[in-house]
Amino acid sequence: MDREEGMRILSTRGWLGAAPADFGQSILSRSSWERLEAGALIQTGGEAEGELIGLADGIVEMRSVVGRPDTPLMHLGHPVLWLGYGPIAFDRPRPTAASARTPVWLARISQADVKKALSARPEWWRHFIKPAIANGDIALIAAADLLIRDNERRCAAVLLRLSGRRFAGPKDSKPVDVPIMQDELAGAANLSRNSAGTMLKRMAARGLVELGHRGKIVCFPAALRAFVEQG
């Protein structure tokens, strides 16, 4: 993916796609562009300063740095995703560590450049804080799913969220590869590894998922969501 295509994706989808064009242009014109391989660190979490980061392609894994150090995988972020606005908007350290789960393409804008753009047009602040609202919604969804009493439906709901297909959308007819190991799914769904494995086998028998080698999971979003929402 070249810079031109990446900037088009970031400017027309998600947060900036719904914002005024001049605001998006002001932010993206100050960005650097990079590719990172799977496993590369994007942000360590806990930084009081840093960059605004836009994910144009690939999948990012996020883990909380706020709670216990052994907190399991929290979320898998899919394009278009924005990170790093907390220190800029709220003067607070970043609450999550992020790394590339797959190869990723990112735009980075320094904190100084973001603040420069916002100071020139103070009315843009109301657009800038919208990613915080979107990510707050994801956190609420994650918390609500963990309250599902039925273990198998809870596991399915978490898998849907990690696949980026928690709610209905135009891509529901297509299977989704979820780059997650069984033990990671178990931790994210507050289950034992053996319990999660048994549930995944039952889901596979119903045609809701396919299980591949090395922990690969392919889910069928519409069918899996119907199962979550039953009774």
Protein backbone atom coordinates (compact mmCIF):
# COMPACT_ATOMS: atom_id res chain seq x y z
CA MET A 1 0.00 0.00 0.00
CA ASP A 2 1.47 3.37 -0.95
CA ARG A 3 1.00 6.62 0.96
CA GLU A 4 -1.58 7.99 -1.49
CA GLU A 5 -3.88 5.00 -1.07
CA GLY A 6 -3.40 5.02 2.70
CA MET A 7 -4.28 8.70 2.96
CA ARG A 8 -7.39 8.10 0.85
CA ILE A 9 -8.53 5.33 3.20
CA LEU A 10 -7.89 7.35 6.34
CA SER A 11 -9.55 10.48 4.94
CA THR A 12 -12.71 8.82 3.63
CA ARG A 13 -13.46 6.13 6.22
CA GLY A 14 -14.14 6.22 9.92
CA TRP A 15 -13.50 9.31 12.00
CA LEU A 16 -12.03 11.64 9.36
CA GLY A 17 -14.49 10.44 6.73
CA ALA A 18 -17.30 12.02 8.78
CA ALA A 19 -15.34 15.19 9.63
CA PRO A 20 -14.96 18.37 7.53
CA ALA A 21 -12.53 17.83 4.66
CA ASP A 22 -10.27 20.72 5.67
CA PHE A 23 -9.90 19.24 9.17
CA GLY A 24 -8.86 15.86 7.78
CA GLN A 25 -6.45 17.47 5.34
CA SER A 26 -4.85 19.53 8.09
CA ILE A 27 -4.26 16.40 10.19
CA LEU A 28 -3.08 14.06 7.43
CA SER A 29 -0.85 16.60 5.68
CA ARG A 30 1.39 16.53 8.75
CA SER A 31 1.71 12.73 8.88
CA SER A 32 4.53 10.30 8.27
CA TRP A 33 3.75 6.93 6.65
CA GLU A 34 5.15 3.54 7.57
CA ARG A 35 4.78 -0.23 7.31
CA LEU A 36 5.41 -2.48 10.31
CA GLU A 37 5.78 -6.25 10.34
CA ALA A 38 3.67 -8.54 12.54
CA GLY A 39 4.83 -8.39 16.15
CA ALA A 40 6.25 -4.86 15.94
CA LEU A 41 5.46 -2.54 18.84
CA ILE A 42 3.30 0.46 17.98
CA GLN A 43 2.92 2.03 21.43
CA THR A 44 4.02 0.72 24.83
CA GLY A 45 1.16 2.24 26.82
CA GLY A 46 1.59 4.63 29.71
CA GLU A 47 3.20 7.35 27.56
CA ALA A 48 2.26 10.86 28.62
CA GLU A 49 3.14 12.17 25.17
CA GLY A 50 3.40 10.67 21.75
CA GLU A 51 1.73 10.57 18.38
CA LEU A 52 -1.70 10.30 16.85
CA ILE A 53 -1.70 7.01 14.96
CA GLY A 54 -4.07 6.00 12.16
CA LEU A 55 -4.36 2.36 11.03
CA ALA A 56 -5.09 2.14 7.30
CA ASP A 57 -4.43 -1.59 6.78
CA GLY A 58 -3.78 -4.66 8.92
CA ILE A 59 -4.80 -5.67 12.45
CA VAL A 60 -3.56 -4.22 15.74
CA GLU A 61 -3.71 -6.01 19.10
CA MET A 62 -4.38 -3.97 22.23
CA ARG A 63 -3.72 -4.82 25.86
CA SER A 64 -4.53 -2.73 28.91
CA VAL A 65 -1.68 -1.25 30.95
CA VAL A 66 -4.08 0.12 33.57
CA GLY A 67 -4.91 -3.07 35.46
CA ARG A 68 -2.84 -6.11 36.45
CA PRO A 69 0.27 -6.85 34.37
CA ASP A 70 -1.16 -10.23 33.34
CA THR A 71 -4.30 -8.71 31.78
CA PRO A 72 -5.11 -10.78 28.64
CA LEU A 73 -5.66 -9.57 25.11
CA MET A 74 -8.30 -6.84 25.24
CA HIS A 75 -9.15 -6.11 21.61
CA LEU A 76 -8.11 -6.51 17.99
CA GLY A 77 -8.41 -3.24 16.07
CA HIS A 78 -9.25 -3.17 12.38
CA PRO A 79 -9.07 -0.32 9.84
CA VAL A 80 -9.85 2.45 10.20
CA LEU A 81 -8.58 2.79 13.78
CA TRP A 82 -7.07 5.78 15.59
CA LEU A 83 -4.82 5.63 18.65
CA GLY A 84 -2.94 8.16 20.74
CA TYR A 85 -5.49 10.92 21.19
CA GLY A 86 -5.66 10.53 25.01
CA PRO A 87 -2.50 12.48 25.87
CA ILE A 88 -3.48 15.17 23.37
CA ALA A 89 -7.15 15.61 24.22
CA PHE A 90 -7.26 14.69 27.89
CA ASP A 91 -3.69 15.14 29.16
CA ARG A 92 -3.62 11.52 30.38
CA PRO A 93 -1.23 8.62 29.67
CA ARG A 94 -2.15 6.09 27.04
CA PRO A 95 -4.10 3.27 28.71
CA THR A 96 -3.22 0.56 26.17
CA ALA A 97 -0.19 -1.07 24.64
CA ALA A 98 -0.53 -1.77 20.92
CA SER A 99 1.41 -3.95 18.52
CA ALA A 100 0.97 -5.26 15.00
CA ARG A 101 -0.88 -8.59 14.95
CA THR A 102 -0.44 -8.71 11.15
CA PRO A 103 1.66 -6.48 8.88
CA VAL A 104 0.19 -2.97 9.18
CA TRP A 105 0.29 0.37 7.40
CA LEU A 106 0.14 3.41 9.69
CA ALA A 107 0.05 7.18 9.57
CA ARG A 108 1.74 8.98 12.47
CA ILE A 109 1.21 12.63 13.38
CA SER A 110 3.25 14.14 16.18
CA GLN A 111 1.51 15.53 19.23
CA ALA A 112 3.03 18.95 18.53
CA ASP A 113 1.67 18.98 14.97
CA VAL A 114 -1.81 17.92 16.09
CA LYS A 115 -1.91 20.65 18.73
CA LYS A 116 -0.68 23.17 16.18
CA ALA A 117 -3.57 22.30 13.87
CA LEU A 118 -6.11 22.46 16.70
CA SER A 119 -4.82 25.73 18.08
CA ALA A 120 -5.27 27.32 14.66
CA ARG A 121 -8.93 26.22 14.55
CA PRO A 122 -10.29 25.71 18.10
CA GLU A 123 -13.69 24.66 16.72
CA TRP A 124 -12.00 21.49 15.45
CA TRP A 125 -11.67 20.13 18.98
CA ARG A 126 -15.23 18.76 18.87
CA HIS A 127 -14.24 16.64 15.85
CA PHE A 128 -10.97 15.55 17.42
CA ILE A 129 -12.54 13.93 20.49
CA LYS A 130 -14.88 11.69 18.48
CA PRO A 131 -12.47 8.70 18.37
CA ALA A 132 -12.56 8.70 22.18
CA ILE A 133 -16.33 8.28 22.02
CA ALA A 134 -16.05 5.45 19.48
CA ASN A 135 -13.44 3.60 21.52
CA GLY A 136 -15.51 4.17 24.65
CA ASP A 137 -18.38 2.42 22.87
CA ILE A 138 -16.10 -0.54 22.09
CA ALA A 139 -15.14 -0.75 25.76
CA LEU A 140 -18.83 -0.79 26.74
CA ILE A 141 -19.57 -3.51 24.21
CA ALA A 142 -16.68 -5.58 25.55
CA ALA A 143 -17.90 -5.17 29.13
CA ALA A 144 -21.49 -6.04 28.17
CA ASP A 145 -20.38 -9.18 26.32
CA LEU A 146 -18.44 -10.37 29.35
CA LEU A 147 -21.69 -10.25 31.32
CA ILE A 148 -23.33 -12.84 29.05
CA ARG A 149 -24.03 -15.75 31.40
CA ASP A 150 -24.00 -18.51 28.82
CA ASN A 151 -20.32 -19.37 28.37
CA GLU A 152 -20.60 -20.47 24.75
CA ARG A 153 -22.52 -17.37 23.66
CA ARG A 154 -20.06 -15.18 25.57
CA CYS A 155 -17.18 -16.86 23.75
CA ALA A 156 -18.95 -16.32 20.41
CA ALA A 157 -19.66 -12.65 21.17
CA VAL A 158 -16.02 -12.00 22.05
CA LEU A 159 -14.89 -13.77 18.87
CA LEU A 160 -17.22 -11.58 16.82
CA ARG A 161 -15.81 -8.43 18.43
CA LEU A 162 -12.22 -9.54 17.83
CA SER A 163 -13.08 -10.26 14.20
CA GLY A 164 -14.42 -6.71 13.75
CA ARG A 165 -17.92 -8.02 13.04
CA ARG A 166 -19.72 -7.66 16.36
CA PHE A 167 -22.66 -5.88 14.72
CA ALA A 168 -24.39 -6.49 11.40
CA GLY A 169 -22.82 -4.96 8.32
CA PRO A 170 -22.49 -5.33 4.55
CA LYS A 171 -19.58 -7.81 4.86
CA ASP A 172 -21.55 -10.34 6.92
CA SER A 173 -21.79 -12.81 4.04
CA LYS A 174 -18.01 -13.23 3.92
CA PRO A 175 -16.02 -15.46 6.27
CA VAL A 176 -13.43 -13.68 8.41
CA ASP A 177 -9.98 -14.94 9.36
CA VAL A 178 -9.34 -14.09 13.01
CA PRO A 179 -5.61 -14.10 13.85
CA ILE A 180 -5.98 -15.27 17.44
CA MET A 181 -4.84 -18.32 19.36
CA GLN A 182 -7.27 -20.44 21.35
CA ASP A 183 -5.69 -19.46 24.68
CA GLU A 184 -5.96 -15.77 23.78
CA LEU A 185 -9.65 -16.12 22.97
CA ALA A 186 -10.13 -17.99 26.23
CA GLY A 187 -8.47 -15.19 28.20
CA ALA A 188 -10.45 -12.47 26.41
CA ALA A 189 -13.72 -14.34 27.13
CA ASN A 190 -12.79 -15.16 30.76
CA LEU A 191 -12.74 -18.91 30.09
CA SER A 192 -10.24 -21.71 30.58
CA ARG A 193 -8.32 -22.79 27.50
CA ASN A 194 -9.93 -26.26 27.57
CA SER A 195 -13.44 -24.81 27.90
CA ALA A 196 -12.87 -22.45 24.98
CA GLY A 197 -11.52 -25.32 22.89
CA THR A 198 -14.58 -27.46 23.58
CA MET A 199 -16.90 -24.57 22.69
CA LEU A 200 -15.07 -23.83 19.45
CA LYS A 201 -15.41 -27.48 18.41
CA ARG A 202 -19.16 -27.32 19.07
CA MET A 203 -19.42 -24.08 17.09
CA ALA A 204 -17.48 -25.70 14.25
CA ALA A 205 -19.90 -28.65 14.27
CA ARG A 206 -22.77 -26.17 13.82
CA GLY A 207 -21.02 -24.41 10.93
CA LEU A 208 -20.47 -21.18 12.87
CA VAL A 209 -16.66 -21.29 12.65
CA GLU A 210 -13.89 -23.27 11.00
CA LEU A 211 -10.79 -24.30 12.92
CA GLY A 212 -7.49 -24.39 11.09
CA HIS A 213 -3.90 -25.18 11.92
CA ARG A 214 -1.86 -23.21 14.47
CA GLY A 215 -4.93 -21.83 16.17
CA LYS A 216 -6.42 -20.18 13.09
CA ILE A 217 -10.14 -19.46 13.43
CA VAL A 218 -12.45 -18.54 10.57
CA CYS A 219 -15.84 -17.22 11.66
CA PHE A 220 -19.06 -16.75 9.72
CA PRO A 221 -20.38 -13.45 11.13
CA ALA A 222 -24.10 -13.65 10.34
CA ALA A 223 -24.48 -17.21 11.64
CA LEU A 224 -22.32 -16.58 14.69
CA ARG A 225 -24.26 -13.42 15.57
CA ALA A 226 -27.58 -15.25 15.24
CA PHE A 227 -26.29 -17.79 17.73
CA VAL A 228 -25.22 -15.05 20.19
CA GLU A 229 -28.59 -13.34 19.97
CA GLN A 230 -30.71 -16.48 20.46
CA GLY A 231 -32.65 -16.53 23.74
